Each structure stands twice: as structure tokens, then as C-alpha cells.
Amino acid sequence: MHELSIAISMIDQVMEECVNRGGLAVEAVHMRLGVFAGVDKDALLFSYSLACEGTPLQGSRLVVETVPLLVYCPACKQERTPPSVYQICCPVCLTPTPDILTGREMEVESLEVAV
């Protein structure tokens, strides 16, 4: 389960940022996770709560915004949502495309802190 190592790495980075900003008390970590990132959202949520135990982030929430897969179709010259993450092509003309615009994101977007 690589989601656990992702959660641990994210927690380390968040704690480092909290220390750099004077010891913030984090209530929630907001992140963007693309459907094409290769990470299972439920496994990441579970791993986050498990990895937070015994750290200053214990009790904080992980809020995940799912980013859909969006590609650029070279034939239609339009941004499109492919039929699935397994069939990366234009849903209108069925032209395969390597131009992925969104859906690979895996980034901490913001921290919700106690005042």
C-alpha cells in the first residue's frame, strides 16, 4: 500500500511547514488528487489517519478534492473528458490523445489551522 508512504511523506512536509511558521495547530489538510494519479482516495484517507497517530497532526482531517481527467483532443481541438482512465481518447471522435490537461495532480493545496 503506497498510500501509507504518501501519507507519511505528506505529514512530514506539513509538520515542517508548521514549524517554519511558528508552530501552527493544523485542523485539516486540503489536497487535490487527480483520478489518474495512481492513488486510491479511500486508502489514502485511512493511511492519513493512521500515520497521524502520535504526531502533532493527530485528530486533523484530510480533505481530498478529486480532480477529473481532462484531455485535449488534437482532432477536435477541444478539451474533453475521456470515457475512462483506461481509454484516453476523445469521447466524440475517439481519437487517442497523449495530452492530459488535468487528472494527475497530487498536491497539498492548503492547511486549515486553529486560531
N, C-alpha and C. Protein backbone atom coordinates (compact mmCIF):
# COMPACT_ATOMS: atom_id res chain seq x y z
N MET A 1 0.85 -1.18 0.00
CA MET A 1 0.00 0.00 0.00
C MET A 1 0.90 1.24 0.00
N HIS A 2 1.12 1.83 -1.18
CA HIS A 2 1.97 3.01 -1.25
C HIS A 2 1.29 4.26 -0.73
N GLU A 3 -0.02 4.19 -0.48
CA GLU A 3 -0.74 5.32 0.08
C GLU A 3 -0.23 5.67 1.47
N LEU A 4 0.23 4.66 2.23
CA LEU A 4 0.77 4.92 3.56
C LEU A 4 2.06 5.74 3.46
N SER A 5 2.93 5.39 2.53
CA SER A 5 4.17 6.16 2.38
C SER A 5 3.87 7.58 1.88
N ILE A 6 2.87 7.73 1.05
CA ILE A 6 2.46 9.05 0.59
C ILE A 6 1.94 9.87 1.77
N ALA A 7 1.12 9.26 2.61
CA ALA A 7 0.56 9.95 3.78
C ALA A 7 1.68 10.37 4.74
N ILE A 8 2.62 9.48 4.99
CA ILE A 8 3.73 9.79 5.90
C ILE A 8 4.55 10.95 5.35
N SER A 9 4.86 10.92 4.07
CA SER A 9 5.62 12.00 3.44
C SER A 9 4.86 13.32 3.53
N MET A 10 3.56 13.29 3.29
CA MET A 10 2.74 14.49 3.35
C MET A 10 2.73 15.04 4.78
N ILE A 11 2.59 14.17 5.76
CA ILE A 11 2.57 14.60 7.17
C ILE A 11 3.90 15.23 7.55
N ASP A 12 5.00 14.63 7.11
CA ASP A 12 6.33 15.20 7.39
C ASP A 12 6.45 16.61 6.81
N GLN A 13 5.98 16.80 5.59
CA GLN A 13 6.06 18.11 4.95
C GLN A 13 5.17 19.12 5.65
N VAL A 14 3.97 18.71 6.04
CA VAL A 14 3.05 19.61 6.74
C VAL A 14 3.62 20.01 8.09
N MET A 15 4.17 19.05 8.83
CA MET A 15 4.75 19.36 10.14
C MET A 15 5.94 20.31 9.99
N GLU A 16 6.75 20.11 8.96
CA GLU A 16 7.88 21.01 8.71
C GLU A 16 7.39 22.43 8.43
N GLU A 17 6.35 22.54 7.64
CA GLU A 17 5.77 23.86 7.33
C GLU A 17 5.20 24.51 8.59
N CYS A 18 4.58 23.72 9.45
CA CYS A 18 4.02 24.24 10.70
C CYS A 18 5.12 24.79 11.60
N VAL A 19 6.22 24.07 11.69
CA VAL A 19 7.37 24.52 12.49
C VAL A 19 7.94 25.81 11.91
N ASN A 20 8.08 25.87 10.59
CA ASN A 20 8.61 27.06 9.92
C ASN A 20 7.73 28.28 10.14
N ARG A 21 6.46 28.07 10.38
CA ARG A 21 5.53 29.18 10.57
C ARG A 21 5.21 29.43 12.05
N GLY A 22 6.02 28.88 12.92
CA GLY A 22 5.87 29.18 14.35
C GLY A 22 5.01 28.23 15.14
N GLY A 23 4.81 27.02 14.66
CA GLY A 23 4.07 26.01 15.42
C GLY A 23 2.57 26.07 15.25
N LEU A 24 2.10 26.07 14.05
CA LEU A 24 0.66 26.10 13.77
C LEU A 24 -0.02 24.80 14.22
N ALA A 25 -1.25 24.92 14.68
CA ALA A 25 -2.05 23.75 15.04
C ALA A 25 -2.99 23.45 13.87
N VAL A 26 -2.72 22.38 13.17
CA VAL A 26 -3.47 22.04 11.96
C VAL A 26 -4.75 21.28 12.30
N GLU A 27 -5.86 21.78 11.77
CA GLU A 27 -7.14 21.10 11.93
C GLU A 27 -7.49 20.26 10.70
N ALA A 28 -7.05 20.73 9.52
CA ALA A 28 -7.33 19.99 8.29
C ALA A 28 -6.26 20.28 7.24
N VAL A 29 -5.98 19.25 6.45
CA VAL A 29 -5.08 19.37 5.31
C VAL A 29 -5.95 19.19 4.07
N HIS A 30 -5.93 20.19 3.20
CA HIS A 30 -6.72 20.14 1.97
C HIS A 30 -5.79 19.80 0.82
N MET A 31 -6.17 18.79 0.06
CA MET A 31 -5.33 18.39 -1.08
C MET A 31 -6.17 18.14 -2.32
N ARG A 32 -5.49 18.23 -3.46
CA ARG A 32 -6.10 17.92 -4.76
C ARG A 32 -5.49 16.61 -5.22
N LEU A 33 -6.37 15.68 -5.62
CA LEU A 33 -5.92 14.36 -6.04
C LEU A 33 -6.59 14.00 -7.36
N GLY A 34 -5.79 13.87 -8.40
CA GLY A 34 -6.32 13.52 -9.72
C GLY A 34 -6.69 12.06 -9.81
N VAL A 35 -7.71 11.77 -10.60
CA VAL A 35 -8.16 10.39 -10.77
C VAL A 35 -7.13 9.54 -11.50
N PHE A 36 -6.16 10.20 -12.14
CA PHE A 36 -5.12 9.50 -12.90
C PHE A 36 -3.78 9.50 -12.15
N ALA A 37 -3.81 9.84 -10.86
CA ALA A 37 -2.58 9.94 -10.06
C ALA A 37 -2.09 8.58 -9.58
N GLY A 38 -2.91 7.56 -9.69
CA GLY A 38 -2.49 6.23 -9.24
C GLY A 38 -2.59 6.04 -7.75
N VAL A 39 -3.44 6.83 -7.10
CA VAL A 39 -3.60 6.76 -5.65
C VAL A 39 -5.08 6.51 -5.34
N ASP A 40 -5.33 5.53 -4.48
CA ASP A 40 -6.69 5.23 -4.06
C ASP A 40 -7.08 6.21 -2.94
N LYS A 41 -8.12 6.99 -3.18
CA LYS A 41 -8.53 8.03 -2.23
C LYS A 41 -8.88 7.44 -0.86
N ASP A 42 -9.66 6.37 -0.82
CA ASP A 42 -10.05 5.78 0.46
C ASP A 42 -8.86 5.23 1.22
N ALA A 43 -7.93 4.60 0.51
CA ALA A 43 -6.72 4.08 1.16
C ALA A 43 -5.87 5.23 1.70
N LEU A 44 -5.82 6.35 0.97
CA LEU A 44 -5.06 7.50 1.43
C LEU A 44 -5.69 8.11 2.68
N LEU A 45 -7.01 8.23 2.70
CA LEU A 45 -7.70 8.77 3.87
C LEU A 45 -7.45 7.89 5.10
N PHE A 46 -7.54 6.58 4.92
CA PHE A 46 -7.27 5.65 6.02
C PHE A 46 -5.82 5.76 6.48
N SER A 47 -4.90 5.79 5.53
CA SER A 47 -3.47 5.87 5.84
C SER A 47 -3.13 7.17 6.55
N TYR A 48 -3.77 8.25 6.16
CA TYR A 48 -3.51 9.54 6.79
C TYR A 48 -3.87 9.50 8.27
N SER A 49 -5.06 9.01 8.58
CA SER A 49 -5.47 8.97 9.99
C SER A 49 -4.56 8.04 10.79
N LEU A 50 -4.14 6.95 10.19
CA LEU A 50 -3.24 6.01 10.85
C LEU A 50 -1.86 6.65 11.07
N ALA A 51 -1.33 7.30 10.07
CA ALA A 51 0.01 7.90 10.15
C ALA A 51 0.05 9.12 11.07
N CYS A 52 -1.08 9.76 11.30
CA CYS A 52 -1.13 10.93 12.17
C CYS A 52 -1.05 10.58 13.66
N GLU A 53 -1.36 9.33 13.99
CA GLU A 53 -1.37 8.93 15.40
C GLU A 53 -0.01 9.19 16.04
N GLY A 54 -0.03 9.86 17.19
CA GLY A 54 1.19 10.16 17.92
C GLY A 54 1.98 11.34 17.38
N THR A 55 1.41 12.07 16.44
CA THR A 55 2.07 13.26 15.89
C THR A 55 1.24 14.49 16.24
N PRO A 56 1.79 15.68 16.04
CA PRO A 56 1.00 16.90 16.27
C PRO A 56 -0.23 17.01 15.36
N LEU A 57 -0.29 16.21 14.30
CA LEU A 57 -1.45 16.25 13.40
C LEU A 57 -2.56 15.28 13.80
N GLN A 58 -2.35 14.55 14.89
CA GLN A 58 -3.38 13.60 15.34
C GLN A 58 -4.70 14.36 15.56
N GLY A 59 -5.77 13.83 15.02
CA GLY A 59 -7.08 14.46 15.13
C GLY A 59 -7.40 15.39 13.97
N SER A 60 -6.42 15.69 13.13
CA SER A 60 -6.69 16.55 11.97
C SER A 60 -7.39 15.73 10.89
N ARG A 61 -8.00 16.44 9.96
CA ARG A 61 -8.72 15.79 8.86
C ARG A 61 -7.95 15.97 7.56
N LEU A 62 -8.08 15.00 6.70
CA LEU A 62 -7.57 15.13 5.33
C LEU A 62 -8.79 15.33 4.44
N VAL A 63 -8.84 16.46 3.76
CA VAL A 63 -9.95 16.79 2.86
C VAL A 63 -9.41 16.68 1.43
N VAL A 64 -9.98 15.76 0.66
CA VAL A 64 -9.47 15.48 -0.68
C VAL A 64 -10.46 15.98 -1.73
N GLU A 65 -9.96 16.85 -2.60
CA GLU A 65 -10.74 17.29 -3.76
C GLU A 65 -10.30 16.41 -4.93
N THR A 66 -11.25 15.71 -5.52
CA THR A 66 -10.94 14.85 -6.66
C THR A 66 -10.91 15.68 -7.94
N VAL A 67 -9.81 15.57 -8.67
CA VAL A 67 -9.64 16.31 -9.92
C VAL A 67 -9.91 15.35 -11.07
N PRO A 68 -10.88 15.67 -11.92
CA PRO A 68 -11.22 14.76 -13.02
C PRO A 68 -10.15 14.74 -14.11
N LEU A 69 -10.19 13.69 -14.91
CA LEU A 69 -9.28 13.57 -16.05
C LEU A 69 -9.82 14.42 -17.19
N LEU A 70 -8.97 15.26 -17.73
CA LEU A 70 -9.34 16.13 -18.84
C LEU A 70 -8.20 16.08 -19.84
N VAL A 71 -8.53 15.84 -21.11
CA VAL A 71 -7.54 15.74 -22.17
C VAL A 71 -7.84 16.76 -23.27
N TYR A 72 -6.82 17.00 -24.10
CA TYR A 72 -7.00 17.86 -25.27
C TYR A 72 -7.04 16.97 -26.50
N CYS A 73 -8.11 17.08 -27.27
CA CYS A 73 -8.25 16.29 -28.50
C CYS A 73 -7.62 17.07 -29.65
N PRO A 74 -6.58 16.49 -30.29
CA PRO A 74 -5.93 17.19 -31.40
C PRO A 74 -6.81 17.27 -32.65
N ALA A 75 -7.73 16.33 -32.79
CA ALA A 75 -8.60 16.33 -33.98
C ALA A 75 -9.72 17.37 -33.84
N CYS A 76 -10.39 17.37 -32.67
CA CYS A 76 -11.50 18.32 -32.44
C CYS A 76 -11.01 19.69 -31.98
N LYS A 77 -9.76 19.72 -31.50
CA LYS A 77 -9.18 20.94 -30.93
C LYS A 77 -10.02 21.45 -29.75
N GLN A 78 -10.42 20.49 -28.91
CA GLN A 78 -11.25 20.79 -27.74
C GLN A 78 -10.74 20.05 -26.52
N GLU A 79 -11.03 20.59 -25.35
CA GLU A 79 -10.77 19.88 -24.11
C GLU A 79 -11.94 18.93 -23.87
N ARG A 80 -11.63 17.68 -23.54
CA ARG A 80 -12.68 16.68 -23.37
C ARG A 80 -12.39 15.80 -22.16
N THR A 81 -13.45 15.21 -21.63
CA THR A 81 -13.33 14.20 -20.58
C THR A 81 -13.40 12.84 -21.25
N PRO A 82 -12.31 12.05 -21.16
CA PRO A 82 -12.32 10.74 -21.82
C PRO A 82 -13.34 9.79 -21.20
N PRO A 83 -13.70 8.73 -21.94
CA PRO A 83 -14.69 7.77 -21.44
C PRO A 83 -14.29 7.12 -20.12
N SER A 84 -12.98 6.88 -19.92
CA SER A 84 -12.50 6.30 -18.68
C SER A 84 -11.00 6.54 -18.56
N VAL A 85 -10.43 6.24 -17.40
CA VAL A 85 -8.99 6.40 -17.23
C VAL A 85 -8.23 5.31 -17.98
N TYR A 86 -8.94 4.31 -18.48
CA TYR A 86 -8.32 3.21 -19.23
C TYR A 86 -8.40 3.42 -20.73
N GLN A 87 -9.20 4.39 -21.15
CA GLN A 87 -9.39 4.67 -22.57
C GLN A 87 -9.21 6.17 -22.78
N ILE A 88 -7.97 6.59 -22.94
CA ILE A 88 -7.67 8.02 -23.02
C ILE A 88 -7.77 8.47 -24.48
N CYS A 89 -8.99 8.82 -24.81
CA CYS A 89 -9.27 9.30 -26.16
C CYS A 89 -10.44 10.27 -26.09
N CYS A 90 -10.67 10.94 -27.18
CA CYS A 90 -11.79 11.88 -27.26
C CYS A 90 -13.09 11.09 -27.26
N PRO A 91 -14.06 11.44 -26.41
CA PRO A 91 -15.32 10.71 -26.39
C PRO A 91 -16.20 11.00 -27.63
N VAL A 92 -15.87 12.07 -28.37
CA VAL A 92 -16.66 12.45 -29.53
C VAL A 92 -16.16 11.76 -30.80
N CYS A 93 -14.84 11.91 -31.09
CA CYS A 93 -14.30 11.35 -32.34
C CYS A 93 -13.45 10.10 -32.12
N LEU A 94 -13.21 9.74 -30.85
CA LEU A 94 -12.44 8.56 -30.45
C LEU A 94 -10.96 8.61 -30.83
N THR A 95 -10.44 9.81 -31.09
CA THR A 95 -9.02 9.98 -31.38
C THR A 95 -8.22 9.82 -30.08
N PRO A 96 -7.25 8.91 -30.06
CA PRO A 96 -6.40 8.79 -28.87
C PRO A 96 -5.57 10.07 -28.69
N THR A 97 -5.31 10.42 -27.45
CA THR A 97 -4.53 11.62 -27.20
C THR A 97 -3.59 11.44 -26.01
N PRO A 98 -2.36 11.92 -26.15
CA PRO A 98 -1.42 11.88 -25.03
C PRO A 98 -1.46 13.17 -24.20
N ASP A 99 -2.26 14.14 -24.62
CA ASP A 99 -2.28 15.46 -23.98
C ASP A 99 -3.24 15.49 -22.79
N ILE A 100 -2.72 15.09 -21.63
CA ILE A 100 -3.52 15.10 -20.40
C ILE A 100 -3.38 16.48 -19.77
N LEU A 101 -4.51 17.15 -19.58
CA LEU A 101 -4.51 18.50 -19.01
C LEU A 101 -4.66 18.49 -17.50
N THR A 102 -5.58 17.69 -16.99
CA THR A 102 -5.76 17.55 -15.54
C THR A 102 -6.04 16.09 -15.22
N GLY A 103 -5.83 15.75 -13.95
CA GLY A 103 -6.13 14.39 -13.50
C GLY A 103 -4.93 13.68 -12.90
N ARG A 104 -3.74 14.28 -13.01
CA ARG A 104 -2.54 13.67 -12.44
C ARG A 104 -2.10 14.35 -11.15
N GLU A 105 -2.85 15.34 -10.69
CA GLU A 105 -2.46 16.12 -9.53
C GLU A 105 -2.41 15.28 -8.25
N MET A 106 -1.45 15.61 -7.41
CA MET A 106 -1.36 15.07 -6.05
C MET A 106 -0.60 16.12 -5.25
N GLU A 107 -1.36 17.08 -4.73
CA GLU A 107 -0.71 18.22 -4.09
C GLU A 107 -1.51 18.73 -2.90
N VAL A 108 -0.77 19.14 -1.87
CA VAL A 108 -1.41 19.79 -0.73
C VAL A 108 -1.72 21.20 -1.18
N GLU A 109 -2.99 21.57 -1.07
CA GLU A 109 -3.42 22.87 -1.54
C GLU A 109 -3.40 23.92 -0.42
N SER A 110 -3.85 23.51 0.77
CA SER A 110 -3.88 24.46 1.88
C SER A 110 -3.99 23.72 3.21
N LEU A 111 -3.73 24.47 4.27
CA LEU A 111 -3.88 23.95 5.62
C LEU A 111 -4.93 24.77 6.34
N GLU A 112 -5.77 24.11 7.08
CA GLU A 112 -6.75 24.78 7.93
C GLU A 112 -6.18 24.71 9.34
N VAL A 113 -5.94 25.89 9.93
CA VAL A 113 -5.28 25.94 11.23
C VAL A 113 -6.18 26.58 12.29
N ALA A 114 -5.91 26.19 13.54
CA ALA A 114 -6.64 26.79 14.66
C ALA A 114 -6.07 28.17 14.93
N VAL A 115 -6.94 29.07 15.34
CA VAL A 115 -6.50 30.44 15.60
C VAL A 115 -6.25 30.64 17.08
